[in-house]
PDB file of N, CA and C in Angstrom:
ATOM      1  N   MET A   1      18.981  67.308 -54.076  1.00  0.00           N
ATOM      2  CA  MET A   1      20.224  66.573 -54.076  1.00  0.00           C
ATOM      3  C   MET A   1      19.912  65.086 -53.919  1.00  0.00           C
ATOM      4  N   SER A   2      20.591  64.257 -54.661  1.00  0.00           N
ATOM      5  CA  SER A   2      20.358  62.817 -54.631  1.00  0.00           C
ATOM      6  C   SER A   2      21.567  62.105 -54.026  1.00  0.00           C
ATOM      7  N   PHE A   3      21.307  61.142 -53.168  1.00  0.00           N
ATOM      8  CA  PHE A   3      22.373  60.384 -52.534  1.00  0.00           C
ATOM      9  C   PHE A   3      22.266  58.911 -52.903  1.00  0.00           C
ATOM     10  N   ILE A   4      23.385  58.239 -52.842  1.00  0.00           N
ATOM     11  CA  ILE A   4      23.415  56.790 -53.006  1.00  0.00           C
ATOM     12  C   ILE A   4      22.848  56.174 -51.727  1.00  0.00           C
ATOM     13  N   VAL A   5      22.083  55.104 -51.867  1.00  0.00           N
ATOM     14  CA  VAL A   5      21.562  54.391 -50.697  1.00  0.00           C
ATOM     15  C   VAL A   5      22.757  53.895 -49.873  1.00  0.00           C
ATOM     16  N   THR A   6      22.698  54.121 -48.564  1.00  0.00           N
ATOM     17  CA  THR A   6      23.828  53.808 -47.692  1.00  0.00           C
ATOM     18  C   THR A   6      23.419  52.828 -46.600  1.00  0.00           C
ATOM     19  N   PHE A   7      24.278  51.834 -46.367  1.00  0.00           N
ATOM     20  CA  PHE A   7      24.116  50.893 -45.263  1.00  0.00           C
ATOM     21  C   PHE A   7      25.483  50.778 -44.597  1.00  0.00           C
ATOM     22  N   ILE A   8      25.601  51.254 -43.378  1.00  0.00           N
ATOM     23  CA  ILE A   8      26.883  51.243 -42.673  1.00  0.00           C
ATOM     24  C   ILE A   8      26.993  49.948 -41.881  1.00  0.00           C
ATOM     25  N   VAL A   9      28.091  49.220 -42.099  1.00  0.00           N
ATOM     26  CA  VAL A   9      28.294  47.938 -41.419  1.00  0.00           C
ATOM     27  C   VAL A   9      29.614  47.942 -40.652  1.00  0.00           C
ATOM     28  N   GLU A  10      29.636  47.180 -39.584  1.00  0.00           N
ATOM     29  CA  GLU A  10      30.824  46.955 -38.763  1.00  0.00           C
ATOM     30  C   GLU A  10      31.524  48.232 -38.349  1.00  0.00           C
ATOM     31  N   ASN A  11      30.799  49.099 -37.680  1.00  0.00           N
ATOM     32  CA  ASN A  11      31.354  50.337 -37.160  1.00  0.00           C
ATOM     33  C   ASN A  11      31.621  50.166 -35.675  1.00  0.00           C
ATOM     34  N   GLY A  12      32.768  50.616 -35.214  1.00  0.00           N
ATOM     35  CA  GLY A  12      33.092  50.538 -33.801  1.00  0.00           C
ATOM     36  C   GLY A  12      34.561  50.814 -33.572  1.00  0.00           C
ATOM     37  N   PHE A  13      35.016  50.586 -32.359  1.00  0.00           N
ATOM     38  CA  PHE A  13      36.438  50.751 -32.074  1.00  0.00           C
ATOM     39  C   PHE A  13      36.872  49.724 -31.049  1.00  0.00           C
ATOM     40  N   GLY A  14      38.155  49.427 -31.053  1.00  0.00           N
ATOM     41  CA  GLY A  14      38.703  48.472 -30.104  1.00  0.00           C
ATOM     42  C   GLY A  14      39.187  49.175 -28.850  1.00  0.00           C
ATOM     43  N   ASP A  15      38.977  48.545 -27.717  1.00  0.00           N
ATOM     44  CA  ASP A  15      39.413  49.122 -26.456  1.00  0.00           C
ATOM     45  C   ASP A  15      39.713  47.989 -25.484  1.00  0.00           C
ATOM     46  N   ALA A  16      40.751  48.176 -24.694  1.00  0.00           N
ATOM     47  CA  ALA A  16      41.075  47.183 -23.666  1.00  0.00           C
ATOM     48  C   ALA A  16      40.113  47.382 -22.500  1.00  0.00           C
ATOM     49  N   ASP A  17      39.374  46.351 -22.171  1.00  0.00           N
ATOM     50  CA  ASP A  17      38.382  46.441 -21.104  1.00  0.00           C
ATOM     51  C   ASP A  17      39.011  46.092 -19.760  1.00  0.00           C
ATOM     52  N   ILE A  18      38.565  46.762 -18.726  1.00  0.00           N
ATOM     53  CA  ILE A  18      39.057  46.502 -17.373  1.00  0.00           C
ATOM     54  C   ILE A  18      37.927  45.872 -16.571  1.00  0.00           C
ATOM     55  N   LEU A  19      38.151  44.635 -16.177  1.00  0.00           N
ATOM     56  CA  LEU A  19      37.157  43.910 -15.391  1.00  0.00           C
ATOM     57  C   LEU A  19      37.226  44.395 -13.944  1.00  0.00           C
ATOM     58  N   GLN A  20      36.107  44.887 -13.434  1.00  0.00           N
ATOM     59  CA  GLN A  20      36.036  45.386 -12.059  1.00  0.00           C
ATOM     60  C   GLN A  20      35.965  44.207 -11.084  1.00  0.00           C
ATOM     61  N   LYS A  21      36.195  44.464  -9.812  1.00  0.00           N
ATOM     62  CA  LYS A  21      36.161  43.414  -8.790  1.00  0.00           C
ATOM     63  C   LYS A  21      34.816  42.707  -8.732  1.00  0.00           C
ATOM     64  N   ASP A  22      33.749  43.449  -9.048  1.00  0.00           N
ATOM     65  CA  ASP A  22      32.413  42.847  -9.003  1.00  0.00           C
ATOM     66  C   ASP A  22      32.044  42.130 -10.307  1.00  0.00           C
ATOM     67  N   GLY A  23      33.002  42.028 -11.237  1.00  0.00           N
ATOM     68  CA  GLY A  23      32.770  41.304 -12.485  1.00  0.00           C
ATOM     69  C   GLY A  23      32.190  42.143 -13.610  1.00  0.00           C
ATOM     70  N   THR A  24      31.979  43.427 -13.369  1.00  0.00           N
ATOM     71  CA  THR A  24      31.415  44.293 -14.407  1.00  0.00           C
ATOM     72  C   THR A  24      32.523  45.007 -15.186  1.00  0.00           C
ATOM     73  N   ILE A  25      32.138  45.522 -16.329  1.00  0.00           N
ATOM     74  CA  ILE A  25      33.028  46.344 -17.141  1.00  0.00           C
ATOM     75  C   ILE A  25      32.316  47.666 -17.379  1.00  0.00           C
ATOM     76  N   HIS A  26      32.937  48.750 -16.986  1.00  0.00           N
ATOM     77  CA  HIS A  26      32.364  50.082 -17.217  1.00  0.00           C
ATOM     78  C   HIS A  26      32.818  50.531 -18.605  1.00  0.00           C
ATOM     79  N   ASP A  27      31.906  50.534 -19.521  1.00  0.00           N
ATOM     80  CA  ASP A  27      32.230  50.696 -20.935  1.00  0.00           C
ATOM     81  C   ASP A  27      31.777  52.054 -21.475  1.00  0.00           C
ATOM     82  N   GLN A  28      31.974  53.100 -20.701  1.00  0.00           N
ATOM     83  CA  GLN A  28      31.463  54.420 -21.069  1.00  0.00           C
ATOM     84  C   GLN A  28      32.048  54.946 -22.380  1.00  0.00           C
ATOM     85  N   LYS A  29      33.332  54.672 -22.648  1.00  0.00           N
ATOM     86  CA  LYS A  29      33.941  55.166 -23.892  1.00  0.00           C
ATOM     87  C   LYS A  29      33.235  54.604 -25.121  1.00  0.00           C
ATOM     88  N   ARG A  30      32.944  53.311 -25.094  1.00  0.00           N
ATOM     89  CA  ARG A  30      32.271  52.683 -26.235  1.00  0.00           C
ATOM     90  C   ARG A  30      30.829  53.187 -26.354  1.00  0.00           C
ATOM     91  N   ILE A  31      30.164  53.370 -25.213  1.00  0.00           N
ATOM     92  CA  ILE A  31      28.795  53.895 -25.221  1.00  0.00           C
ATOM     93  C   ILE A  31      28.768  55.283 -25.848  1.00  0.00           C
ATOM     94  N   GLU A  32      29.677  56.154 -25.432  1.00  0.00           N
ATOM     95  CA  GLU A  32      29.728  57.516 -25.977  1.00  0.00           C
ATOM     96  C   GLU A  32      30.088  57.506 -27.461  1.00  0.00           C
ATOM     97  N   TYR A  33      31.001  56.624 -27.850  1.00  0.00           N
ATOM     98  CA  TYR A  33      31.388  56.505 -29.259  1.00  0.00           C
ATOM     99  C   TYR A  33      30.170  56.151 -30.118  1.00  0.00           C
ATOM    100  N   LEU A  34      29.456  55.114 -29.726  1.00  0.00           N
ATOM    101  CA  LEU A  34      28.286  54.689 -30.498  1.00  0.00           C
ATOM    102  C   LEU A  34      27.182  55.741 -30.465  1.00  0.00           C
ATOM    103  N   LYS A  35      26.960  56.352 -29.313  1.00  0.00           N
ATOM    104  CA  LYS A  35      25.936  57.395 -29.183  1.00  0.00           C
ATOM    105  C   LYS A  35      26.221  58.551 -30.134  1.00  0.00           C
ATOM    106  N   SER A  36      27.462  59.000 -30.170  1.00  0.00           N
ATOM    107  CA  SER A  36      27.793  60.134 -31.042  1.00  0.00           C
ATOM    108  C   SER A  36      27.638  59.775 -32.515  1.00  0.00           C
ATOM    109  N   HIS A  37      27.956  58.537 -32.880  1.00  0.00           N
ATOM    110  CA  HIS A  37      27.798  58.121 -34.275  1.00  0.00           C
ATOM    111  C   HIS A  37      26.324  58.005 -34.662  1.00  0.00           C
ATOM    112  N   ILE A  38      25.516  57.477 -33.763  1.00  0.00           N
ATOM    113  CA  ILE A  38      24.083  57.359 -34.050  1.00  0.00           C
ATOM    114  C   ILE A  38      23.445  58.747 -34.159  1.00  0.00           C
ATOM    115  N   GLU A  39      23.857  59.668 -33.298  1.00  0.00           N
ATOM    116  CA  GLU A  39      23.347  61.042 -33.397  1.00  0.00           C
ATOM    117  C   GLU A  39      23.761  61.696 -34.716  1.00  0.00           C
ATOM    118  N   ALA A  40      24.988  61.451 -35.154  1.00  0.00           N
ATOM    119  CA  ALA A  40      25.451  62.005 -36.432  1.00  0.00           C
ATOM    120  C   ALA A  40      24.671  61.406 -37.600  1.00  0.00           C
ATOM    121  N   LEU A  41      24.347  60.121 -37.506  1.00  0.00           N
ATOM    122  CA  LEU A  41      23.542  59.484 -38.554  1.00  0.00           C
ATOM    123  C   LEU A  41      22.151  60.105 -38.611  1.00  0.00           C
ATOM    124  N   GLU A  42      21.570  60.362 -37.447  1.00  0.00           N
ATOM    125  CA  GLU A  42      20.251  60.997 -37.407  1.00  0.00           C
ATOM    126  C   GLU A  42      20.286  62.362 -38.101  1.00  0.00           C
ATOM    127  N   LYS A  43      21.318  63.143 -37.831  1.00  0.00           N
ATOM    128  CA  LYS A  43      21.450  64.459 -38.469  1.00  0.00           C
ATOM    129  C   LYS A  43      21.635  64.325 -39.977  1.00  0.00           C
ATOM    130  N   ALA A  44      22.433  63.344 -40.399  1.00  0.00           N
ATOM    131  CA  ALA A  44      22.664  63.148 -41.829  1.00  0.00           C
ATOM    132  C   ALA A  44      21.364  62.813 -42.554  1.00  0.00           C
ATOM    133  N   VAL A  45      20.527  61.994 -41.928  1.00  0.00           N
ATOM    134  CA  VAL A  45      19.247  61.611 -42.527  1.00  0.00           C
ATOM    135  C   VAL A  45      18.262  62.775 -42.471  1.00  0.00           C
ATOM    136  N   THR A  46      18.126  63.388 -41.305  1.00  0.00           N
ATOM    137  CA  THR A  46      17.126  64.439 -41.087  1.00  0.00           C
ATOM    138  C   THR A  46      17.444  65.730 -41.825  1.00  0.00           C
ATOM    139  N   TYR A  47      18.665  66.189 -41.707  1.00  0.00           N
ATOM    140  CA  TYR A  47      19.009  67.512 -42.243  1.00  0.00           C
ATOM    141  C   TYR A  47      19.627  67.478 -43.641  1.00  0.00           C
ATOM    142  N   ASP A  48      20.358  66.392 -43.934  1.00  0.00           N
ATOM    143  CA  ASP A  48      21.059  66.327 -45.220  1.00  0.00           C
ATOM    144  C   ASP A  48      20.379  65.422 -46.237  1.00  0.00           C
ATOM    145  N   GLY A  49      19.368  64.682 -45.799  1.00  0.00           N
ATOM    146  CA  GLY A  49      18.634  63.826 -46.712  1.00  0.00           C
ATOM    147  C   GLY A  49      19.357  62.557 -47.132  1.00  0.00           C
ATOM    148  N   VAL A  50      20.340  62.137 -46.337  1.00  0.00           N
ATOM    149  CA  VAL A  50      21.064  60.902 -46.662  1.00  0.00           C
ATOM    150  C   VAL A  50      20.092  59.730 -46.638  1.00  0.00           C
ATOM    151  N   ASP A  51      20.181  58.876 -47.638  1.00  0.00           N
ATOM    152  CA  ASP A  51      19.306  57.704 -47.758  1.00  0.00           C
ATOM    153  C   ASP A  51      19.958  56.526 -47.037  1.00  0.00           C
ATOM    154  N   LEU A  52      19.832  56.516 -45.719  1.00  0.00           N
ATOM    155  CA  LEU A  52      20.436  55.483 -44.876  1.00  0.00           C
ATOM    156  C   LEU A  52      19.413  54.386 -44.638  1.00  0.00           C
ATOM    157  N   ILE A  53      19.764  53.159 -45.008  1.00  0.00           N
ATOM    158  CA  ILE A  53      18.820  52.053 -44.813  1.00  0.00           C
ATOM    159  C   ILE A  53      19.221  51.137 -43.662  1.00  0.00           C
ATOM    160  N   GLY A  54      20.425  51.349 -43.096  1.00  0.00           N
ATOM    161  CA  GLY A  54      20.814  50.510 -41.975  1.00  0.00           C
ATOM    162  C   GLY A  54      22.143  50.901 -41.371  1.00  0.00           C
ATOM    163  N   TYR A  55      22.334  50.477 -40.131  1.00  0.00           N
ATOM    164  CA  TYR A  55      23.573  50.721 -39.392  1.00  0.00           C
ATOM    165  C   TYR A  55      23.796  49.541 -38.461  1.00  0.00           C
ATOM    166  N   THR A  56      24.930  48.874 -38.585  1.00  0.00           N
ATOM    167  CA  THR A  56      25.228  47.739 -37.713  1.00  0.00           C
ATOM    168  C   THR A  56      26.602  47.916 -37.081  1.00  0.00           C
ATOM    169  N   PRO A  57      26.636  48.198 -35.781  1.00  0.00           N
ATOM    170  CA  PRO A  57      27.933  48.266 -35.102  1.00  0.00           C
ATOM    171  C   PRO A  57      28.521  46.866 -34.977  1.00  0.00           C
ATOM    172  N   TRP A  58      29.793  46.802 -34.587  1.00  0.00           N
ATOM    173  CA  TRP A  58      30.405  45.498 -34.375  1.00  0.00           C
ATOM    174  C   TRP A  58      29.539  44.685 -33.436  1.00  0.00           C
ATOM    175  N   GLY A  59      29.560  43.393 -33.619  1.00  0.00           N
ATOM    176  CA  GLY A  59      28.592  42.504 -33.013  1.00  0.00           C
ATOM    177  C   GLY A  59      28.652  42.301 -31.516  1.00  0.00           C
ATOM    178  N   ILE A  60      27.608  41.681 -31.036  1.00  0.00           N
ATOM    179  CA  ILE A  60      27.505  41.295 -29.634  1.00  0.00           C
ATOM    180  C   ILE A  60      28.604  40.285 -29.300  1.00  0.00           C
ATOM    181  N   ILE A  61      28.853  39.379 -30.224  1.00  0.00           N
ATOM    182  CA  ILE A  61      29.921  38.393 -30.045  1.00  0.00           C
ATOM    183  C   ILE A  61      31.212  39.035 -30.524  1.00  0.00           C
ATOM    184  N   ASP A  62      32.215  39.061 -29.675  1.00  0.00           N
ATOM    185  CA  ASP A  62      33.456  39.745 -29.983  1.00  0.00           C
ATOM    186  C   ASP A  62      34.270  38.975 -31.023  1.00  0.00           C
ATOM    187  N   ILE A  63      35.261  39.657 -31.575  1.00  0.00           N
ATOM    188  CA  ILE A  63      36.136  39.033 -32.557  1.00  0.00           C
ATOM    189  C   ILE A  63      37.552  38.958 -32.013  1.00  0.00           C
ATOM    190  N   VAL A  64      38.309  38.009 -32.523  1.00  0.00           N
ATOM    191  CA  VAL A  64      39.728  37.924 -32.207  1.00  0.00           C
ATOM    192  C   VAL A  64      40.447  38.894 -33.131  1.00  0.00           C
ATOM    193  N   SER A  65      41.389  39.646 -32.596  1.00  0.00           N
ATOM    194  CA  SER A  65      42.135  40.597 -33.405  1.00  0.00           C
ATOM    195  C   SER A  65      42.847  39.866 -34.537  1.00  0.00           C
ATOM    196  N   PHE A  66      42.592  40.288 -35.756  1.00  0.00           N
ATOM    197  CA  PHE A  66      43.185  39.642 -36.927  1.00  0.00           C
ATOM    198  C   PHE A  66      44.701  39.777 -36.922  1.00  0.00           C
ATOM    199  N   THR A  67      45.201  40.919 -36.492  1.00  0.00           N
ATOM    200  CA  THR A  67      46.640  41.163 -36.571  1.00  0.00           C
ATOM    201  C   THR A  67      47.428  40.514 -35.447  1.00  0.00           C
ATOM    202  N   THR A  68      46.821  40.360 -34.264  1.00  0.00           N
ATOM    203  CA  THR A  68      47.571  39.817 -33.133  1.00  0.00           C
ATOM    204  C   THR A  68      47.071  38.460 -32.657  1.00  0.00           C
ATOM    205  N   GLY A  69      45.856  38.091 -33.014  1.00  0.00           N
ATOM    206  CA  GLY A  69      45.300  36.819 -32.588  1.00  0.00           C
ATOM    207  C   GLY A  69      44.946  36.768 -31.114  1.00  0.00           C
ATOM    208  N   GLU A  70      44.808  37.909 -30.482  1.00  0.00           N
ATOM    209  CA  GLU A  70      44.493  37.919 -29.054  1.00  0.00           C
ATOM    210  C   GLU A  70      43.187  38.646 -28.771  1.00  0.00           C
ATOM    211  N   MET A  71      42.761  38.561 -27.509  1.00  0.00           N
ATOM    212  CA  MET A  71      41.461  39.117 -27.121  1.00  0.00           C
ATOM    213  C   MET A  71      41.574  40.222 -26.068  1.00  0.00           C
ATOM    214  N   LYS A  72      42.767  40.766 -25.811  1.00  0.00           N
ATOM    215  CA  LYS A  72      42.896  41.819 -24.800  1.00  0.00           C
ATOM    216  C   LYS A  72      42.169  43.086 -25.219  1.00  0.00           C
ATOM    217  N   LYS A  73      42.246  43.399 -26.485  1.00  0.00           N
ATOM    218  CA  LYS A  73      41.575  44.584 -27.018  1.00  0.00           C
ATOM    219  C   LYS A  73      40.251  44.122 -27.601  1.00  0.00           C
ATOM    220  N   ARG A  74      39.149  44.572 -27.018  1.00  0.00           N
ATOM    221  CA  ARG A  74      37.828  44.092 -27.405  1.00  0.00           C
ATOM    222  C   ARG A  74      37.212  44.991 -28.465  1.00  0.00           C
ATOM    223  N   TYR A  75      36.501  44.380 -29.393  1.00  0.00           N
ATOM    224  CA  TYR A  75      35.883  45.120 -30.483  1.00  0.00           C
ATOM    225  C   TYR A  75      34.363  45.065 -30.446  1.00  0.00           C
ATOM    226  N   GLY A  76      33.788  44.042 -29.875  1.00  0.00           N
ATOM    227  CA  GLY A  76      32.332  43.915 -29.829  1.00  0.00           C
ATOM    228  C   GLY A  76      31.737  44.699 -28.684  1.00  0.00           C
ATOM    229  N   MET A  77      30.443  44.519 -28.490  1.00  0.00           N
ATOM    230  CA  MET A  77      29.773  45.186 -27.375  1.00  0.00           C
ATOM    231  C   MET A  77      29.955  44.369 -26.113  1.00  0.00           C
ATOM    232  N   ILE A  78      29.842  45.031 -25.002  1.00  0.00           N
ATOM    233  CA  ILE A  78      30.020  44.347 -23.716  1.00  0.00           C
ATOM    234  C   ILE A  78      28.654  43.976 -23.170  1.00  0.00           C
TER     235      ILE A  78
END
């Protein structure tokens, strides 16, 4: 079976972050989301032969929501 070369860009989800009293953000939902996607990519490459050449989640530097112009819902990594 032959696949088209694949490069996945800007994958992620938006979530409202809660700043803890000590200044940290517990970002377990985003960690689990990315972990599950990376594991699925590994299976696609290993078992299905998908020709994946790259994967880039949403960036370290966050983005302003295009639809609302605000930063309450974060899209980048923490």
